[in-house]
């Protein structure tokens, strides 16, 4: 009994001590709340309007600026292929040789016939002059003069026809040397040496040449995005470059292509099957680094938002209610505020609503801030102004170009 009583007394004493300690902690917490919570160190930016570069990016596929089928223009036996398949050829290079013998013989025959007709024409000319002189002296009749003139005119017509025949035969003889119509990269031959080449569509194709410089890039612009860009441009919020977008390519290995280009085509209707607008860019490809058929990322540069506000992504809280930011008032107290975001730019998001120029926004340390909590603004390395974001965006664009 004595042991139980003493144990009970000890338990009561311990409970009393814990109770007194708890009361002390509650008093300390109340005192801290009364004196104010410690300020959370953060970095902030001041929202200021500036012209902000904006770019648009799409998936594209390359193709040669010209792709030409090389076809035989005369029928004959294919004697020789004079180029290496897949090699670069220049316009006018001989690619194939057809058997020229029949065309050489035909050309020689046409030349002989022309020489004979020219001799007859000269005889008819002299005869007409002689008859005309006799007619002037009243020796021959008008009919004889007219017959001589008709023979002379007929001789001229026969010579003209023979000249055309000779020219045609000489052309056909020349066509036995099949030449490259453009400069570019050749494909495989479709007819091997020794084959009979015909002039119909099935039997005349010999190879294909693709011109790689300049290079075309085909891509599609979503119709809704195109409409949004046009609307922003008409409202004066976005300025489109007067000389067209500058085109920059990112290749399949994620490297940025060293040459820039220009858009040279944009369709004027939305494809109902895809809901997009066909577009095409042209870039220099003198070294043939990029081949037709490659998939690339197409970036259109040169446009900019005029007098825009930009908030960096690190300053945004994305919640179920939408994007929000912490705004710092004159008393250095942070309050949360929903914002409306627009186009993504290199330095963040265009602000469509919810913020005004001159307001301060928490940029770094947002996870430590609570609504209504005081903050201590630390010096910012980037100048602490949102207008610098436009410059940062431009620097980022230039850096990516250099890479």
Protein backbone atom coordinates (compact mmCIF):
# COMPACT_ATOMS: atom_id res chain seq x y z
CA UNK A 1 0.00 0.00 0.00
CA UNK A 2 2.78 2.41 0.92
CA UNK A 3 4.62 1.67 -2.40
CA UNK A 4 1.47 2.28 -4.47
CA UNK A 5 0.75 5.55 -2.69
CA UNK A 6 4.26 6.83 -3.28
CA UNK A 7 4.14 5.85 -6.97
CA UNK A 8 0.82 7.62 -7.37
CA UNK A 9 2.26 10.74 -5.76
CA UNK A 10 5.23 10.70 -8.15
CA UNK A 11 2.92 10.41 -11.21
CA UNK A 12 0.85 13.35 -10.05
CA UNK A 13 3.97 15.45 -9.56
CA UNK A 14 5.23 14.64 -13.09
CA UNK A 15 1.89 15.55 -14.61
CA UNK A 16 1.94 18.88 -12.78
CA UNK A 17 5.42 19.69 -14.10
CA UNK A 18 4.43 18.86 -17.70
CA UNK A 19 1.32 20.95 -17.37
CA UNK A 20 3.28 23.95 -16.17
CA UNK A 21 5.78 23.51 -19.02
CA UNK A 22 2.98 23.40 -21.57
CA UNK A 23 1.51 26.60 -20.21
CA UNK A 24 4.89 28.25 -20.61
CA UNK A 25 5.16 27.24 -24.30
CA UNK A 26 1.69 28.55 -25.04
CA UNK A 27 2.61 31.86 -23.45
CA UNK A 28 5.82 32.03 -25.57
CA UNK A 29 3.87 31.31 -28.80
CA UNK A 30 1.32 33.96 -27.93
CA UNK A 31 4.06 36.44 -27.24
CA UNK A 32 5.76 35.67 -30.60
CA UNK A 33 2.49 36.13 -32.47
CA UNK A 34 1.92 39.41 -30.67
CA UNK A 35 5.38 40.64 -31.57
CA UNK A 36 5.04 39.45 -35.27
CA UNK A 37 6.46 36.45 -37.18
CA UNK A 38 10.03 36.72 -38.48
CA UNK A 39 10.34 38.10 -42.02
CA UNK A 40 11.02 35.50 -44.70
CA UNK A 41 14.03 36.35 -46.88
CA UNK A 42 13.05 36.45 -50.57
CA UNK A 43 14.16 37.93 -53.86
CA UNK A 44 11.68 40.08 -55.74
CA UNK A 45 11.21 41.70 -59.11
CA UNK A 46 9.44 44.95 -59.94
CA UNK A 47 7.01 44.60 -62.82
CA UNK A 48 7.88 47.01 -65.61
CA UNK A 49 6.73 47.11 -69.21
CA UNK A 50 9.16 46.38 -72.04
CA UNK A 51 9.26 45.01 -75.58
CA UNK A 52 9.69 41.26 -75.16
CA UNK A 53 10.91 38.99 -77.99
CA UNK A 54 8.62 36.04 -78.67
CA UNK A 55 9.14 33.00 -80.87
CA UNK A 56 6.91 30.26 -82.22
CA UNK A 57 8.10 26.68 -82.56
CA UNK A 58 6.78 23.84 -84.72
CA UNK A 59 7.82 20.42 -86.00
CA UNK A 60 8.93 20.40 -89.62
CA UNK A 61 10.38 18.11 -92.26
CA UNK A 62 13.02 19.01 -94.81
CA UNK A 63 12.85 18.52 -98.56
CA UNK A 64 14.90 19.57 -101.53
CA UNK A 65 13.97 22.87 -103.08
CA UNK A 66 13.65 21.04 -106.41
CA UNK A 67 13.31 17.36 -107.22
CA UNK A 68 13.54 16.51 -110.92
CA UNK A 69 13.03 13.20 -112.70
CA UNK A 70 15.73 12.55 -115.27
CA UNK A 71 14.06 10.94 -118.29
CA UNK A 72 15.23 9.81 -121.71
CA UNK A 73 13.83 11.88 -124.57
CA UNK A 74 14.66 9.36 -127.28
CA UNK A 75 14.45 5.60 -127.47
CA UNK A 76 17.60 3.54 -127.51
CA UNK A 77 19.89 1.07 -125.83
CA UNK A 78 21.42 2.33 -122.57
CA UNK A 79 25.16 2.01 -123.10
CA UNK A 80 26.64 3.58 -119.97
CA UNK A 81 25.94 5.37 -116.69
CA UNK A 82 28.61 8.03 -116.21
CA UNK A 83 27.94 9.14 -112.61
CA UNK A 84 28.18 7.51 -109.18
CA UNK A 85 24.78 6.90 -107.65
CA UNK A 86 24.13 9.25 -104.74
CA UNK A 87 26.84 11.69 -105.81
CA UNK A 88 26.56 15.41 -106.44
CA UNK A 89 26.26 16.45 -110.09
CA UNK A 90 26.17 19.82 -111.76
CA UNK A 91 23.65 21.09 -114.25
CA UNK A 92 24.66 19.95 -117.74
CA UNK A 93 26.76 16.97 -116.63
CA UNK A 94 26.32 13.85 -118.80
CA UNK A 95 24.66 11.12 -116.72
CA UNK A 96 23.76 8.43 -119.28
CA UNK A 97 24.81 7.50 -122.81
CA UNK A 98 22.32 5.94 -125.22
CA UNK A 99 23.25 4.22 -128.47
CA UNK A 100 23.62 7.14 -130.95
CA UNK A 101 24.17 5.23 -134.19
CA UNK A 102 20.67 5.38 -135.64
CA UNK A 103 20.36 9.07 -134.78
CA UNK A 104 23.78 9.83 -136.22
CA UNK A 105 22.79 8.10 -139.47
CA UNK A 106 19.44 9.87 -139.58
CA UNK A 107 21.16 13.19 -139.02
CA UNK A 108 23.64 12.50 -141.83
CA UNK A 109 20.82 11.54 -144.17
CA UNK A 110 18.91 14.71 -143.33
CA UNK A 111 22.04 16.74 -144.00
CA UNK A 112 22.45 15.17 -147.44
CA UNK A 113 18.82 15.79 -148.35
CA UNK A 114 19.16 19.40 -147.27
CA UNK A 115 22.24 19.90 -149.46
CA UNK A 116 20.40 18.44 -152.46
CA UNK A 117 17.37 20.66 -151.93
CA UNK A 118 19.54 23.74 -151.53
CA UNK A 119 21.15 22.97 -154.91
CA UNK A 120 17.72 22.61 -156.50
CA UNK A 121 16.64 25.86 -154.89
CA UNK A 122 19.60 27.68 -156.37
CA UNK A 123 18.72 26.26 -159.79
CA UNK A 124 15.09 27.38 -159.38
CA UNK A 125 16.26 30.85 -158.38
CA UNK A 126 18.44 31.21 -161.44
CA UNK A 127 15.65 29.87 -163.67
CA UNK A 128 13.19 32.36 -162.25
CA UNK A 129 15.58 35.27 -162.84
CA UNK A 130 16.11 34.16 -166.43
CA UNK A 131 12.37 33.78 -167.12
CA UNK A 132 11.60 37.08 -165.44
CA UNK A 133 14.14 38.84 -167.69
CA UNK A 134 12.65 37.21 -170.79
CA UNK A 135 9.15 38.14 -169.67
CA UNK A 136 10.24 41.76 -169.30
CA UNK A 137 11.38 41.71 -172.93
CA UNK A 138 8.14 40.08 -174.05
CA UNK A 139 9.77 36.83 -175.10
CA UNK A 140 7.84 34.48 -172.76
CA UNK A 141 4.32 34.49 -171.46
CA UNK A 142 3.10 35.42 -168.02
CA UNK A 143 2.28 31.75 -167.33
CA UNK A 144 5.89 30.73 -167.84
CA UNK A 145 7.00 33.47 -165.47
CA UNK A 146 4.44 32.37 -162.86
CA UNK A 147 5.49 28.73 -163.17
CA UNK A 148 9.13 29.68 -162.60
CA UNK A 149 8.17 31.75 -159.53
CA UNK A 150 6.11 28.87 -158.11
CA UNK A 151 9.02 26.46 -158.57
CA UNK A 152 11.32 28.89 -156.77
CA UNK A 153 8.90 29.33 -153.84
CA UNK A 154 8.36 25.58 -153.62
CA UNK A 155 12.11 25.06 -153.48
CA UNK A 156 12.39 27.51 -150.57
CA UNK A 157 9.66 25.65 -148.67
CA UNK A 158 11.36 22.30 -149.24
CA UNK A 159 14.67 23.67 -147.98
CA UNK A 160 12.99 25.05 -144.84
CA UNK A 161 11.39 21.65 -144.15
CA UNK A 162 14.71 19.89 -144.69
CA UNK A 163 16.46 22.29 -142.31
CA UNK A 164 13.83 21.56 -139.65
CA UNK A 165 14.26 17.82 -140.21
CA UNK A 166 18.02 18.12 -139.83
CA UNK A 167 17.62 20.19 -136.67
CA UNK A 168 15.25 17.58 -135.21
CA UNK A 169 17.64 14.74 -136.03
CA UNK A 170 20.55 16.65 -134.50
CA UNK A 171 18.50 17.25 -131.34
CA UNK A 172 17.67 13.56 -131.10
CA UNK A 173 21.35 12.76 -131.56
CA UNK A 174 22.16 15.14 -128.72
CA UNK A 175 19.48 13.54 -126.54
CA UNK A 176 21.44 10.29 -126.60
CA UNK A 177 23.61 12.06 -124.02
CA UNK A 178 21.25 12.39 -121.05
CA UNK A 179 22.35 15.44 -119.06
CA UNK A 180 21.52 16.69 -115.57
CA UNK A 181 18.76 19.32 -115.79
CA UNK A 182 19.72 20.80 -112.39
CA UNK A 183 22.56 20.60 -109.89
CA UNK A 184 21.95 18.30 -106.94
CA UNK A 185 22.23 14.85 -105.42
CA UNK A 186 21.43 11.88 -107.62
CA UNK A 187 19.44 8.83 -106.60
CA UNK A 188 19.77 5.24 -107.75
CA UNK A 189 19.47 4.47 -111.43
CA UNK A 190 16.20 2.88 -112.49
CA UNK A 191 17.56 1.33 -115.70
CA UNK A 192 20.76 -0.67 -115.81
CA UNK A 193 23.28 -0.61 -118.63
CA UNK A 194 22.14 -2.70 -121.59
CA UNK A 195 18.45 -1.98 -121.03
CA UNK A 196 16.22 -0.68 -123.80
CA UNK A 197 15.01 2.78 -122.86
CA UNK A 198 11.70 3.97 -124.29
CA UNK A 199 10.02 7.36 -124.34
CA UNK A 200 6.83 6.46 -122.50
CA UNK A 201 6.32 7.31 -118.82
CA UNK A 202 7.13 3.79 -117.64
CA UNK A 203 10.31 3.27 -119.65
CA UNK A 204 11.92 6.70 -119.78
CA UNK A 205 12.73 7.34 -116.10
CA UNK A 206 16.46 6.91 -115.44
CA UNK A 207 17.08 8.59 -112.06
CA UNK A 208 16.07 11.53 -109.87
CA UNK A 209 18.06 14.62 -108.85
CA UNK A 210 17.28 16.57 -105.69
CA UNK A 211 18.55 20.11 -105.21
CA UNK A 212 19.74 20.58 -101.62
CA UNK A 213 20.72 24.24 -101.71
CA UNK A 214 18.60 26.03 -100.82
CA UNK A 215 16.68 23.60 -98.63
CA UNK A 216 12.94 23.72 -97.98
CA UNK A 217 11.35 22.96 -94.61
CA UNK A 218 7.65 22.15 -94.51
CA UNK A 219 5.68 22.62 -91.30
CA UNK A 220 2.14 23.29 -90.11
CA UNK A 221 0.83 26.15 -87.97
CA UNK A 222 -2.25 25.28 -85.86
CA UNK A 223 -5.21 27.32 -87.07
CA UNK A 224 -6.14 28.48 -83.56
CA UNK A 225 -2.60 29.69 -82.88
CA UNK A 226 -2.47 31.52 -86.20
CA UNK A 227 -5.76 33.24 -85.38
CA UNK A 228 -4.46 34.25 -81.95
CA UNK A 229 -1.30 35.74 -83.47
CA UNK A 230 -3.32 37.69 -86.04
CA UNK A 231 -5.66 38.96 -83.33
CA UNK A 232 -2.80 40.11 -81.09
CA UNK A 233 -1.15 41.80 -84.07
CA UNK A 234 -4.37 43.60 -85.02
CA UNK A 235 -4.73 44.79 -81.41
CA UNK A 236 -1.18 46.15 -81.43
CA UNK A 237 -0.01 43.83 -78.67
CA UNK A 238 2.33 41.83 -80.90
CA UNK A 239 4.53 43.29 -83.65
CA UNK A 240 5.25 40.98 -86.60
CA UNK A 241 8.53 41.67 -88.48
CA UNK A 242 7.84 43.59 -91.68
CA UNK A 243 10.37 41.55 -93.67
CA UNK A 244 9.05 38.23 -92.38
CA UNK A 245 10.07 35.84 -89.64
CA UNK A 246 13.64 34.69 -89.26
CA UNK A 247 13.70 30.89 -89.29
CA UNK A 248 16.07 28.89 -87.11
CA UNK A 249 16.29 25.09 -87.13
CA UNK A 250 17.09 22.62 -84.37
CA UNK A 251 18.27 19.36 -85.89
CA UNK A 252 17.47 15.81 -84.82
CA UNK A 253 20.62 15.66 -82.65
CA UNK A 254 19.38 18.78 -80.77
CA UNK A 255 22.08 20.96 -82.30
CA UNK A 256 21.10 24.38 -83.63
CA UNK A 257 21.69 24.67 -87.37
CA UNK A 258 24.18 27.40 -88.19
CA UNK A 259 22.22 28.98 -91.05
CA UNK A 260 19.03 30.99 -90.64
CA UNK A 261 16.34 31.30 -93.27
CA UNK A 262 13.05 32.96 -94.16
CA UNK A 263 9.50 31.83 -94.64
CA UNK A 264 8.68 31.77 -98.34
CA UNK A 265 5.17 30.34 -98.26
CA UNK A 266 2.12 30.32 -95.97
CA UNK A 267 -1.17 28.92 -97.17
CA UNK A 268 -4.28 31.07 -97.08
CA UNK A 269 -6.68 28.46 -95.81
CA UNK A 270 -6.93 26.04 -92.90
CA UNK A 271 -6.80 22.39 -93.89
CA UNK A 272 -10.11 20.95 -92.64
CA UNK A 273 -8.53 17.52 -92.18
CA UNK A 274 -5.79 18.72 -89.81
CA UNK A 275 -7.00 22.11 -88.59
CA UNK A 276 -3.64 23.62 -89.50
CA UNK A 277 -2.11 25.94 -92.08
CA UNK A 278 0.66 24.69 -94.35
CA UNK A 279 3.85 26.76 -94.33
CA UNK A 280 7.34 26.49 -95.74
CA UNK A 281 10.73 28.00 -94.97
CA UNK A 282 13.86 28.27 -97.08
CA UNK A 283 17.37 27.99 -95.62
CA UNK A 284 20.84 27.84 -97.09
CA UNK A 285 22.42 24.37 -97.20
CA UNK A 286 25.63 24.92 -99.15
CA UNK A 287 27.49 22.13 -97.33
CA UNK A 288 24.58 19.67 -97.76
CA UNK A 289 24.65 19.04 -94.00
CA UNK A 290 20.89 18.57 -93.82
CA UNK A 291 19.29 15.98 -96.07
CA UNK A 292 15.73 15.80 -97.36
CA UNK A 293 13.28 13.93 -95.14
CA UNK A 294 14.82 14.89 -91.78
CA UNK A 295 12.57 16.01 -88.94
CA UNK A 296 13.55 19.33 -87.37
CA UNK A 297 12.16 21.91 -84.97
CA UNK A 298 11.30 25.14 -86.74
CA UNK A 299 11.56 28.32 -84.71
CA UNK A 300 10.10 31.58 -86.04
CA UNK A 301 11.88 34.61 -84.58
CA UNK A 302 11.55 38.36 -84.97
CA UNK A 303 8.14 39.07 -83.42
CA UNK A 304 7.83 40.80 -80.05
CA UNK A 305 5.22 41.78 -77.50
CA UNK A 306 4.98 45.55 -77.25
CA UNK A 307 5.09 47.10 -73.74
CA UNK A 308 4.44 43.77 -72.06
CA UNK A 309 4.75 42.54 -68.48
CA UNK A 310 6.67 39.31 -67.98
CA UNK A 311 6.69 37.16 -64.86
CA UNK A 312 9.35 34.44 -64.56
CA UNK A 313 8.17 30.87 -64.18
CA UNK A 314 9.92 30.49 -60.82
CA UNK A 315 7.65 33.21 -59.38
CA UNK A 316 4.42 31.37 -60.27
CA UNK A 317 2.44 28.96 -58.10
CA UNK A 318 0.36 26.62 -60.24
CA UNK A 319 -2.70 25.46 -58.32
CA UNK A 320 -6.10 23.97 -59.07
CA UNK A 321 -7.46 27.51 -59.10
CA UNK A 322 -4.93 28.55 -61.71
CA UNK A 323 -1.59 30.39 -61.65
CA UNK A 324 -0.88 32.70 -58.70
CA UNK A 325 1.94 34.95 -57.51
CA UNK A 326 2.92 36.58 -54.24
CA UNK A 327 2.64 40.38 -54.42
CA UNK A 328 4.57 42.45 -51.88
CA UNK A 329 2.89 45.62 -50.59
CA UNK A 330 4.47 48.79 -49.22
CA UNK A 331 4.69 47.21 -45.74
CA UNK A 332 6.68 44.25 -47.10
CA UNK A 333 3.78 41.87 -46.54
CA UNK A 334 3.15 39.19 -49.16
CA UNK A 335 -0.35 38.44 -50.40
CA UNK A 336 -1.28 35.80 -52.95
CA UNK A 337 -3.00 36.90 -56.14
CA UNK A 338 -4.31 35.01 -59.21
CA UNK A 339 -2.88 36.07 -62.59
CA UNK A 340 -3.78 35.45 -66.21
CA UNK A 341 -0.86 34.22 -68.28
CA UNK A 342 -0.35 34.41 -72.03
CA UNK A 343 2.39 33.34 -74.41
CA UNK A 344 5.51 31.60 -73.11
CA UNK A 345 8.70 33.60 -73.74
CA UNK A 346 12.33 32.84 -72.99
CA UNK A 347 12.20 34.57 -69.60
CA UNK A 348 8.78 33.43 -68.40
CA UNK A 349 5.18 34.19 -69.25
CA UNK A 350 3.46 37.23 -70.69
CA UNK A 351 1.02 38.62 -68.10
CA UNK A 352 -2.45 39.14 -69.57
CA UNK A 353 -4.07 40.25 -66.32
CA UNK A 354 -3.76 40.38 -62.54
CA UNK A 355 -0.61 42.51 -62.26
CA UNK A 356 0.23 46.15 -62.88
CA UNK A 357 3.48 47.90 -63.70
CA UNK A 358 5.34 48.93 -60.56
CA UNK A 359 4.13 46.06 -58.37
CA UNK A 360 6.67 43.83 -56.67
CA UNK A 361 6.46 40.06 -57.00
CA UNK A 362 8.30 37.35 -55.07
CA UNK A 363 10.68 35.68 -57.53
CA UNK A 364 12.77 33.38 -55.32
CA UNK A 365 11.74 31.76 -52.04
CA UNK A 366 8.01 31.45 -52.78
CA UNK A 367 7.78 28.03 -51.09
CA UNK A 368 8.72 29.64 -47.75
CA UNK A 369 6.19 32.47 -48.01
CA UNK A 370 2.68 32.33 -46.54
CA UNK A 371 -0.19 34.71 -47.32
CA UNK A 372 -0.04 37.72 -45.03
CA UNK A 373 3.49 36.95 -43.88
CA UNK A 374 6.17 39.65 -43.78
CA UNK A 375 9.11 39.26 -46.15
CA UNK A 376 12.62 40.64 -46.27
CA UNK A 377 13.71 41.48 -49.81
CA UNK A 378 17.26 40.42 -50.59
CA UNK A 379 19.39 42.07 -53.28
CA UNK A 380 18.74 40.50 -56.69
CA UNK A 381 21.55 39.51 -59.03
CA UNK A 382 19.52 40.22 -62.14
CA UNK A 383 18.75 43.84 -61.35
CA UNK A 384 15.44 43.12 -59.57
CA UNK A 385 13.36 44.46 -62.43
CA UNK A 386 11.02 42.59 -64.71
CA UNK A 387 11.93 44.83 -67.59
CA UNK A 388 15.27 43.04 -67.61
CA UNK A 389 13.42 39.88 -68.51
CA UNK A 390 13.02 41.20 -72.01
CA UNK A 391 16.77 41.70 -72.20
CA UNK A 392 17.34 38.31 -70.63
CA UNK A 393 15.08 36.77 -73.25
CA UNK A 394 17.04 38.45 -75.99
CA UNK A 395 20.32 37.25 -74.47
CA UNK A 396 18.99 33.72 -74.21
CA UNK A 397 17.92 33.82 -77.85
CA UNK A 398 21.36 35.03 -78.90
CA UNK A 399 23.03 32.39 -76.75
CA UNK A 400 20.98 29.65 -78.34
CA UNK A 401 21.86 31.04 -81.75
CA UNK A 402 25.55 30.90 -80.89
CA UNK A 403 25.23 27.30 -79.79
